[in-house]
Amino acid sequence: MANKRYNLALPQGMFDLLQQEADKKNVPVSTLLKQFAKFGLIVDEAIHNPDKEVIIRELGHIDRIVLFL
């Protein structure tokens, strides 16, 4: 399947944050945006499916995120 292109205009502050994060991970901003898009699709599915939820674990602590639309 061929890659598709999409031009995206971001506020400067948001782009700066993305660039800083990409620099920390040593990846291009485009790679970071692809990862965020995949995560966004997972979250969107959880929003629309009552049998799914998103759980974030940090240092052994679990936060359950309940999404309402």
N, C-alpha and C. Protein backbone atom coordinates (compact mmCIF):
# COMPACT_ATOMS: atom_id res chain seq x y z
N MET A 1 0.85 -1.17 0.00
CA MET A 1 0.00 0.00 0.00
C MET A 1 0.90 1.24 0.00
N ALA A 2 0.56 2.19 -0.82
CA ALA A 2 1.35 3.42 -0.93
C ALA A 2 1.10 4.34 0.25
N ASN A 3 2.12 5.09 0.61
CA ASN A 3 1.97 6.10 1.66
C ASN A 3 1.14 7.25 1.12
N LYS A 4 0.36 7.85 1.99
CA LYS A 4 -0.43 9.03 1.65
C LYS A 4 0.16 10.23 2.35
N ARG A 5 0.10 11.37 1.71
CA ARG A 5 0.62 12.61 2.29
C ARG A 5 -0.54 13.48 2.73
N TYR A 6 -0.30 14.22 3.82
CA TYR A 6 -1.28 15.15 4.34
C TYR A 6 -0.53 16.35 4.92
N ASN A 7 -0.86 17.53 4.45
CA ASN A 7 -0.23 18.73 5.00
C ASN A 7 -0.97 19.12 6.27
N LEU A 8 -0.22 19.39 7.31
CA LEU A 8 -0.80 19.68 8.61
C LEU A 8 -0.20 20.97 9.15
N ALA A 9 -1.05 21.94 9.41
CA ALA A 9 -0.58 23.21 9.99
C ALA A 9 -0.75 23.12 11.51
N LEU A 10 0.34 23.30 12.25
CA LEU A 10 0.32 23.25 13.71
C LEU A 10 0.68 24.61 14.28
N PRO A 11 0.09 24.95 15.41
CA PRO A 11 0.57 26.16 16.10
C PRO A 11 2.05 25.99 16.45
N GLN A 12 2.79 27.08 16.43
CA GLN A 12 4.23 27.02 16.66
C GLN A 12 4.57 26.35 17.98
N GLY A 13 3.82 26.67 19.04
CA GLY A 13 4.10 26.09 20.35
C GLY A 13 3.95 24.58 20.36
N MET A 14 2.91 24.07 19.68
CA MET A 14 2.71 22.63 19.61
C MET A 14 3.83 21.97 18.80
N PHE A 15 4.21 22.61 17.70
CA PHE A 15 5.30 22.04 16.90
C PHE A 15 6.59 22.01 17.71
N ASP A 16 6.84 23.09 18.47
CA ASP A 16 8.06 23.13 19.28
C ASP A 16 8.09 21.99 20.29
N LEU A 17 6.95 21.71 20.93
CA LEU A 17 6.88 20.59 21.88
C LEU A 17 7.12 19.25 21.17
N LEU A 18 6.52 19.08 20.00
CA LEU A 18 6.74 17.86 19.23
C LEU A 18 8.21 17.73 18.84
N GLN A 19 8.81 18.81 18.41
CA GLN A 19 10.22 18.78 18.01
C GLN A 19 11.12 18.42 19.18
N GLN A 20 10.83 18.99 20.35
CA GLN A 20 11.62 18.68 21.55
C GLN A 20 11.51 17.19 21.88
N GLU A 21 10.30 16.66 21.82
CA GLU A 21 10.09 15.24 22.13
C GLU A 21 10.78 14.35 21.09
N ALA A 22 10.67 14.73 19.82
CA ALA A 22 11.33 13.97 18.76
C ALA A 22 12.84 13.99 18.94
N ASP A 23 13.38 15.15 19.32
CA ASP A 23 14.82 15.26 19.54
C ASP A 23 15.27 14.35 20.69
N LYS A 24 14.47 14.31 21.77
CA LYS A 24 14.81 13.44 22.91
C LYS A 24 14.85 11.98 22.49
N LYS A 25 13.94 11.60 21.60
CA LYS A 25 13.84 10.21 21.17
C LYS A 25 14.71 9.93 19.95
N ASN A 26 15.32 10.98 19.42
CA ASN A 26 16.17 10.85 18.23
C ASN A 26 15.40 10.28 17.04
N VAL A 27 14.19 10.79 16.83
CA VAL A 27 13.36 10.39 15.69
C VAL A 27 12.83 11.65 15.01
N PRO A 28 12.43 11.55 13.76
CA PRO A 28 11.82 12.70 13.10
C PRO A 28 10.43 13.00 13.69
N VAL A 29 10.01 14.25 13.57
CA VAL A 29 8.67 14.63 14.04
C VAL A 29 7.61 13.78 13.33
N SER A 30 7.83 13.47 12.07
CA SER A 30 6.85 12.68 11.32
C SER A 30 6.65 11.30 11.96
N THR A 31 7.70 10.69 12.47
CA THR A 31 7.58 9.40 13.14
C THR A 31 6.75 9.54 14.41
N LEU A 32 7.01 10.59 15.16
CA LEU A 32 6.25 10.84 16.38
C LEU A 32 4.77 11.05 16.06
N LEU A 33 4.47 11.81 15.02
CA LEU A 33 3.08 12.05 14.64
C LEU A 33 2.38 10.76 14.22
N LYS A 34 3.09 9.88 13.54
CA LYS A 34 2.51 8.58 13.16
C LYS A 34 2.18 7.76 14.41
N GLN A 35 3.09 7.76 15.38
CA GLN A 35 2.83 7.03 16.63
C GLN A 35 1.63 7.62 17.36
N PHE A 36 1.55 8.95 17.41
CA PHE A 36 0.42 9.60 18.07
C PHE A 36 -0.89 9.33 17.34
N ALA A 37 -0.85 9.28 16.03
CA ALA A 37 -2.06 8.98 15.26
C ALA A 37 -2.55 7.56 15.56
N LYS A 38 -1.63 6.61 15.65
CA LYS A 38 -2.02 5.23 15.98
C LYS A 38 -2.66 5.17 17.37
N PHE A 39 -2.04 5.87 18.32
CA PHE A 39 -2.59 5.90 19.68
C PHE A 39 -3.96 6.56 19.67
N GLY A 40 -4.10 7.62 18.91
CA GLY A 40 -5.39 8.31 18.81
C GLY A 40 -6.48 7.41 18.27
N LEU A 41 -6.16 6.57 17.31
CA LEU A 41 -7.13 5.63 16.77
C LEU A 41 -7.56 4.61 17.82
N ILE A 42 -6.62 4.17 18.64
CA ILE A 42 -6.94 3.23 19.73
C ILE A 42 -7.87 3.90 20.74
N VAL A 43 -7.56 5.14 21.11
CA VAL A 43 -8.39 5.88 22.06
C VAL A 43 -9.78 6.12 21.47
N ASP A 44 -9.83 6.49 20.20
CA ASP A 44 -11.13 6.73 19.55
C ASP A 44 -11.98 5.46 19.57
N GLU A 45 -11.36 4.32 19.34
CA GLU A 45 -12.10 3.06 19.38
C GLU A 45 -12.63 2.80 20.79
N ALA A 46 -11.81 3.10 21.81
CA ALA A 46 -12.25 2.90 23.20
C ALA A 46 -13.40 3.83 23.55
N ILE A 47 -13.40 5.04 23.00
CA ILE A 47 -14.48 5.99 23.26
C ILE A 47 -15.81 5.44 22.77
N HIS A 48 -15.78 4.77 21.63
CA HIS A 48 -17.01 4.31 20.99
C HIS A 48 -17.36 2.86 21.29
N ASN A 49 -16.58 2.20 22.13
CA ASN A 49 -16.85 0.80 22.45
C ASN A 49 -16.85 0.65 23.97
N PRO A 50 -18.02 0.44 24.59
CA PRO A 50 -18.09 0.36 26.05
C PRO A 50 -17.34 -0.84 26.63
N ASP A 51 -16.96 -1.80 25.80
CA ASP A 51 -16.22 -2.97 26.29
C ASP A 51 -14.71 -2.74 26.30
N LYS A 52 -14.27 -1.53 25.91
CA LYS A 52 -12.84 -1.25 25.87
C LYS A 52 -12.53 -0.05 26.75
N GLU A 53 -11.31 -0.04 27.27
CA GLU A 53 -10.85 1.10 28.05
C GLU A 53 -9.35 1.27 27.82
N VAL A 54 -8.87 2.44 28.13
CA VAL A 54 -7.45 2.75 28.00
C VAL A 54 -6.86 2.80 29.40
N ILE A 55 -5.78 2.09 29.62
CA ILE A 55 -5.12 2.06 30.92
C ILE A 55 -3.68 2.53 30.73
N ILE A 56 -3.25 3.44 31.60
CA ILE A 56 -1.88 3.92 31.57
C ILE A 56 -1.19 3.50 32.86
N ARG A 57 -0.03 2.85 32.72
CA ARG A 57 0.75 2.41 33.88
C ARG A 57 2.00 3.27 33.97
N GLU A 58 2.29 3.74 35.16
CA GLU A 58 3.50 4.53 35.37
C GLU A 58 4.11 4.13 36.70
N LEU A 59 5.30 3.54 36.64
CA LEU A 59 6.03 3.12 37.83
C LEU A 59 5.16 2.30 38.78
N GLY A 60 4.46 1.34 38.23
CA GLY A 60 3.65 0.45 39.05
C GLY A 60 2.29 1.00 39.42
N HIS A 61 2.06 2.27 39.16
CA HIS A 61 0.77 2.88 39.46
C HIS A 61 -0.09 2.81 38.21
N ILE A 62 -1.33 2.40 38.36
CA ILE A 62 -2.23 2.26 37.21
C ILE A 62 -3.30 3.35 37.30
N ASP A 63 -3.44 4.10 36.23
CA ASP A 63 -4.53 5.07 36.09
C ASP A 63 -5.47 4.57 35.02
N ARG A 64 -6.72 4.46 35.35
CA ARG A 64 -7.72 4.05 34.38
C ARG A 64 -8.32 5.32 33.81
N ILE A 65 -8.32 5.41 32.52
CA ILE A 65 -8.88 6.59 31.86
C ILE A 65 -10.26 6.20 31.33
N VAL A 66 -11.26 6.88 31.80
CA VAL A 66 -12.62 6.66 31.32
C VAL A 66 -12.93 7.78 30.36
N LEU A 67 -13.30 7.42 29.15
CA LEU A 67 -13.52 8.41 28.11
C LEU A 67 -15.02 8.55 27.84
N PHE A 68 -15.49 9.76 27.88
CA PHE A 68 -16.87 10.06 27.58
C PHE A 68 -16.91 11.01 26.40
N LEU A 69 -17.88 10.82 25.55
CA LEU A 69 -18.00 11.70 24.38
C LEU A 69 -19.34 12.36 24.38
